[in-house]
Amino acid sequence: MYEKILESLSKSDFRSKFRLKEKEKEYIANKGLPVIESHARDFISKRIAPAVIKNDGKQTPMKGHPVFIAQHATASCCRGCISKWHKFPKDCELSSDQQEYLVGLIMEWIRNQLK
């Protein structure tokens, strides 16, 4: 389901620079993928899904959590990137289906990094 967009993202010089380091891989191993997925769901619903985000474009740190790194790699870090790459309208709340799509994409990228 995500192969086409992940392939497109991998061709972006910026997006392709993101990789999970050993520290993040250890964090995932210690917490488990279900916990990481719950973090992704929480970050998307609170930081990305609202129609108006006062600090849009700056709400996702570049490091500090595997999901943050994955968000940048998958262009799900801000509404501008989401609009450009995933064609979701910028100024309206993301639907639950759109949120689940982004969480699934993030998790697929993470699983690929763990291989």
C-alpha atoms as a PDB file:
ATOM      1  CA  MET A   1       0.000   0.000   0.000  1.00  0.00           C
ATOM      2  CA  TYR A   2       2.837   2.406   0.834  1.00  0.00           C
ATOM      3  CA  GLU A   3       5.440   1.201  -1.663  1.00  0.00           C
ATOM      4  CA  LYS A   4       4.794   3.892  -4.278  1.00  0.00           C
ATOM      5  CA  ILE A   5       4.963   6.868  -1.905  1.00  0.00           C
ATOM      6  CA  LEU A   6       7.988   5.441  -0.065  1.00  0.00           C
ATOM      7  CA  GLU A   7       9.747   5.027  -3.409  1.00  0.00           C
ATOM      8  CA  SER A   8       8.952   8.635  -4.354  1.00  0.00           C
ATOM      9  CA  LEU A   9      10.122   9.893  -0.959  1.00  0.00           C
ATOM     10  CA  SER A  10      13.366   7.927  -1.289  1.00  0.00           C
ATOM     11  CA  LYS A  11      14.183   9.945  -4.415  1.00  0.00           C
ATOM     12  CA  SER A  12      14.069  13.214  -2.484  1.00  0.00           C
ATOM     13  CA  ASP A  13      17.539  14.326  -1.401  1.00  0.00           C
ATOM     14  CA  PHE A  14      16.105  15.756   1.828  1.00  0.00           C
ATOM     15  CA  ARG A  15      13.776  12.884   2.761  1.00  0.00           C
ATOM     16  CA  SER A  16      16.289  10.170   1.948  1.00  0.00           C
ATOM     17  CA  LYS A  17      18.818  11.545   4.456  1.00  0.00           C
ATOM     18  CA  PHE A  18      16.741  10.399   7.411  1.00  0.00           C
ATOM     19  CA  ARG A  19      17.754   7.105   8.989  1.00  0.00           C
ATOM     20  CA  LEU A  20      17.221   5.501  12.371  1.00  0.00           C
ATOM     21  CA  LYS A  21      20.447   5.247  14.356  1.00  0.00           C
ATOM     22  CA  GLU A  22      21.290   2.527  16.859  1.00  0.00           C
ATOM     23  CA  LYS A  23      19.929   4.660  19.711  1.00  0.00           C
ATOM     24  CA  GLU A  24      16.490   4.872  18.092  1.00  0.00           C
ATOM     25  CA  LYS A  25      16.549   1.180  17.137  1.00  0.00           C
ATOM     26  CA  GLU A  26      17.319   0.272  20.754  1.00  0.00           C
ATOM     27  CA  TYR A  27      14.467   2.497  21.928  1.00  0.00           C
ATOM     28  CA  ILE A  28      12.092   0.688  19.568  1.00  0.00           C
ATOM     29  CA  ALA A  29      13.388  -2.704  20.697  1.00  0.00           C
ATOM     30  CA  ASN A  30      12.866  -1.764  24.353  1.00  0.00           C
ATOM     31  CA  LYS A  31       9.401  -0.245  23.891  1.00  0.00           C
ATOM     32  CA  GLY A  32       8.083  -2.528  21.140  1.00  0.00           C
ATOM     33  CA  LEU A  33       6.397  -1.570  17.876  1.00  0.00           C
ATOM     34  CA  PRO A  34       2.865  -1.346  19.381  1.00  0.00           C
ATOM     35  CA  VAL A  35       4.054   1.378  21.790  1.00  0.00           C
ATOM     36  CA  ILE A  36       5.863   3.217  18.994  1.00  0.00           C
ATOM     37  CA  GLU A  37       2.685   3.062  16.912  1.00  0.00           C
ATOM     38  CA  SER A  38       0.690   4.515  19.799  1.00  0.00           C
ATOM     39  CA  HIS A  39       3.236   7.356  20.013  1.00  0.00           C
ATOM     40  CA  ALA A  40       2.862   7.953  16.261  1.00  0.00           C
ATOM     41  CA  ARG A  41      -0.911   8.018  16.560  1.00  0.00           C
ATOM     42  CA  ASP A  42      -0.685  10.471  19.473  1.00  0.00           C
ATOM     43  CA  PHE A  43       1.784  12.782  17.689  1.00  0.00           C
ATOM     44  CA  ILE A  44      -0.308  12.825  14.509  1.00  0.00           C
ATOM     45  CA  SER A  45      -3.604  13.452  16.309  1.00  0.00           C
ATOM     46  CA  LYS A  46      -2.262  16.231  18.542  1.00  0.00           C
ATOM     47  CA  ARG A  47       0.454  17.911  16.474  1.00  0.00           C
ATOM     48  CA  ILE A  48      -0.605  17.342  12.864  1.00  0.00           C
ATOM     49  CA  ALA A  49      -4.350  16.661  12.564  1.00  0.00           C
ATOM     50  CA  PRO A  50      -5.875  19.953  13.807  1.00  0.00           C
ATOM     51  CA  ALA A  51      -7.061  22.384  11.140  1.00  0.00           C
ATOM     52  CA  VAL A  52      -5.030  25.235  12.651  1.00  0.00           C
ATOM     53  CA  ILE A  53      -1.584  24.669  14.093  1.00  0.00           C
ATOM     54  CA  LYS A  54       0.050  27.813  15.441  1.00  0.00           C
ATOM     55  CA  ASN A  55       3.606  26.597  14.865  1.00  0.00           C
ATOM     56  CA  ASP A  56       3.012  24.592  11.687  1.00  0.00           C
ATOM     57  CA  GLY A  57       6.282  23.749  10.020  1.00  0.00           C
ATOM     58  CA  LYS A  58       8.118  23.757  13.338  1.00  0.00           C
ATOM     59  CA  GLN A  59       6.072  21.329  15.448  1.00  0.00           C
ATOM     60  CA  THR A  60       8.082  18.192  14.698  1.00  0.00           C
ATOM     61  CA  PRO A  61      11.632  18.031  16.078  1.00  0.00           C
ATOM     62  CA  MET A  62      14.323  16.623  13.791  1.00  0.00           C
ATOM     63  CA  LYS A  63      15.502  14.171  16.456  1.00  0.00           C
ATOM     64  CA  GLY A  64      14.665  12.799  19.886  1.00  0.00           C
ATOM     65  CA  HIS A  65      12.152  10.093  18.972  1.00  0.00           C
ATOM     66  CA  PRO A  66      12.029   7.509  16.164  1.00  0.00           C
ATOM     67  CA  VAL A  67       8.596   8.775  15.115  1.00  0.00           C
ATOM     68  CA  PHE A  68       9.903  12.335  14.668  1.00  0.00           C
ATOM     69  CA  ILE A  69      12.620  11.053  12.331  1.00  0.00           C
ATOM     70  CA  ALA A  70      10.064   8.937  10.472  1.00  0.00           C
ATOM     71  CA  GLN A  71       7.725  11.904  10.131  1.00  0.00           C
ATOM     72  CA  HIS A  72      10.417  13.887   8.310  1.00  0.00           C
ATOM     73  CA  ALA A  73      11.377  10.895   6.163  1.00  0.00           C
ATOM     74  CA  THR A  74       7.734  10.339   5.177  1.00  0.00           C
ATOM     75  CA  ALA A  75       6.755  14.016   4.751  1.00  0.00           C
ATOM     76  CA  SER A  76       4.251  13.780   7.586  1.00  0.00           C
ATOM     77  CA  CYS A  77       6.012  16.355   9.749  1.00  0.00           C
ATOM     78  CA  CYS A  78       3.800  19.382   9.016  1.00  0.00           C
ATOM     79  CA  ARG A  79       0.710  20.278   7.054  1.00  0.00           C
ATOM     80  CA  GLY A  80       2.729  21.917   4.280  1.00  0.00           C
ATOM     81  CA  CYS A  81       4.688  18.727   3.601  1.00  0.00           C
ATOM     82  CA  ILE A  82       1.545  16.617   3.928  1.00  0.00           C
ATOM     83  CA  SER A  83      -0.255  18.837   1.429  1.00  0.00           C
ATOM     84  CA  LYS A  84       2.645  18.686  -1.036  1.00  0.00           C
ATOM     85  CA  TRP A  85       3.403  14.965  -0.815  1.00  0.00           C
ATOM     86  CA  HIS A  86       0.102  13.374   0.204  1.00  0.00           C
ATOM     87  CA  LYS A  87      -2.376  15.892  -1.267  1.00  0.00           C
ATOM     88  CA  PHE A  88      -4.364  16.338   1.962  1.00  0.00           C
ATOM     89  CA  PRO A  89      -5.872  19.846   2.217  1.00  0.00           C
ATOM     90  CA  LYS A  90      -3.849  22.082   4.496  1.00  0.00           C
ATOM     91  CA  ASP A  91      -6.451  24.136   6.342  1.00  0.00           C
ATOM     92  CA  CYS A  92      -8.918  21.513   7.550  1.00  0.00           C
ATOM     93  CA  GLU A  93      -8.735  18.873  10.226  1.00  0.00           C
ATOM     94  CA  LEU A  94      -7.375  15.536   9.067  1.00  0.00           C
ATOM     95  CA  SER A  95      -9.973  12.783   9.025  1.00  0.00           C
ATOM     96  CA  SER A  96      -9.427   9.607  11.033  1.00  0.00           C
ATOM     97  CA  ASP A  97      -8.692   7.774   7.747  1.00  0.00           C
ATOM     98  CA  GLN A  98      -6.055  10.349   6.798  1.00  0.00           C
ATOM     99  CA  GLN A  99      -4.507  10.089  10.248  1.00  0.00           C
ATOM    100  CA  GLU A 100      -4.420   6.290  10.030  1.00  0.00           C
ATOM    101  CA  TYR A 101      -2.811   6.514   6.581  1.00  0.00           C
ATOM    102  CA  LEU A 102      -0.018   8.701   8.001  1.00  0.00           C
ATOM    103  CA  VAL A 103       0.482   6.455  11.037  1.00  0.00           C
ATOM    104  CA  GLY A 104       0.626   3.410   8.761  1.00  0.00           C
ATOM    105  CA  LEU A 105       3.159   5.120   6.502  1.00  0.00           C
ATOM    106  CA  ILE A 106       5.322   6.112   9.470  1.00  0.00           C
ATOM    107  CA  MET A 107       5.230   2.567  10.824  1.00  0.00           C
ATOM    108  CA  GLU A 108       6.045   1.053   7.436  1.00  0.00           C
ATOM    109  CA  TRP A 109       9.081   3.344   7.151  1.00  0.00           C
ATOM    110  CA  ILE A 110      10.168   2.374  10.674  1.00  0.00           C
ATOM    111  CA  ARG A 111       9.766  -1.355   9.946  1.00  0.00           C
ATOM    112  CA  ASN A 112      11.849  -0.917   6.780  1.00  0.00           C
ATOM    113  CA  GLN A 113      14.564   0.797   8.828  1.00  0.00           C
ATOM    114  CA  LEU A 114      14.677  -2.118  11.248  1.00  0.00           C
ATOM    115  CA  LYS A 115      15.397  -4.676   8.497  1.00  0.00           C
END
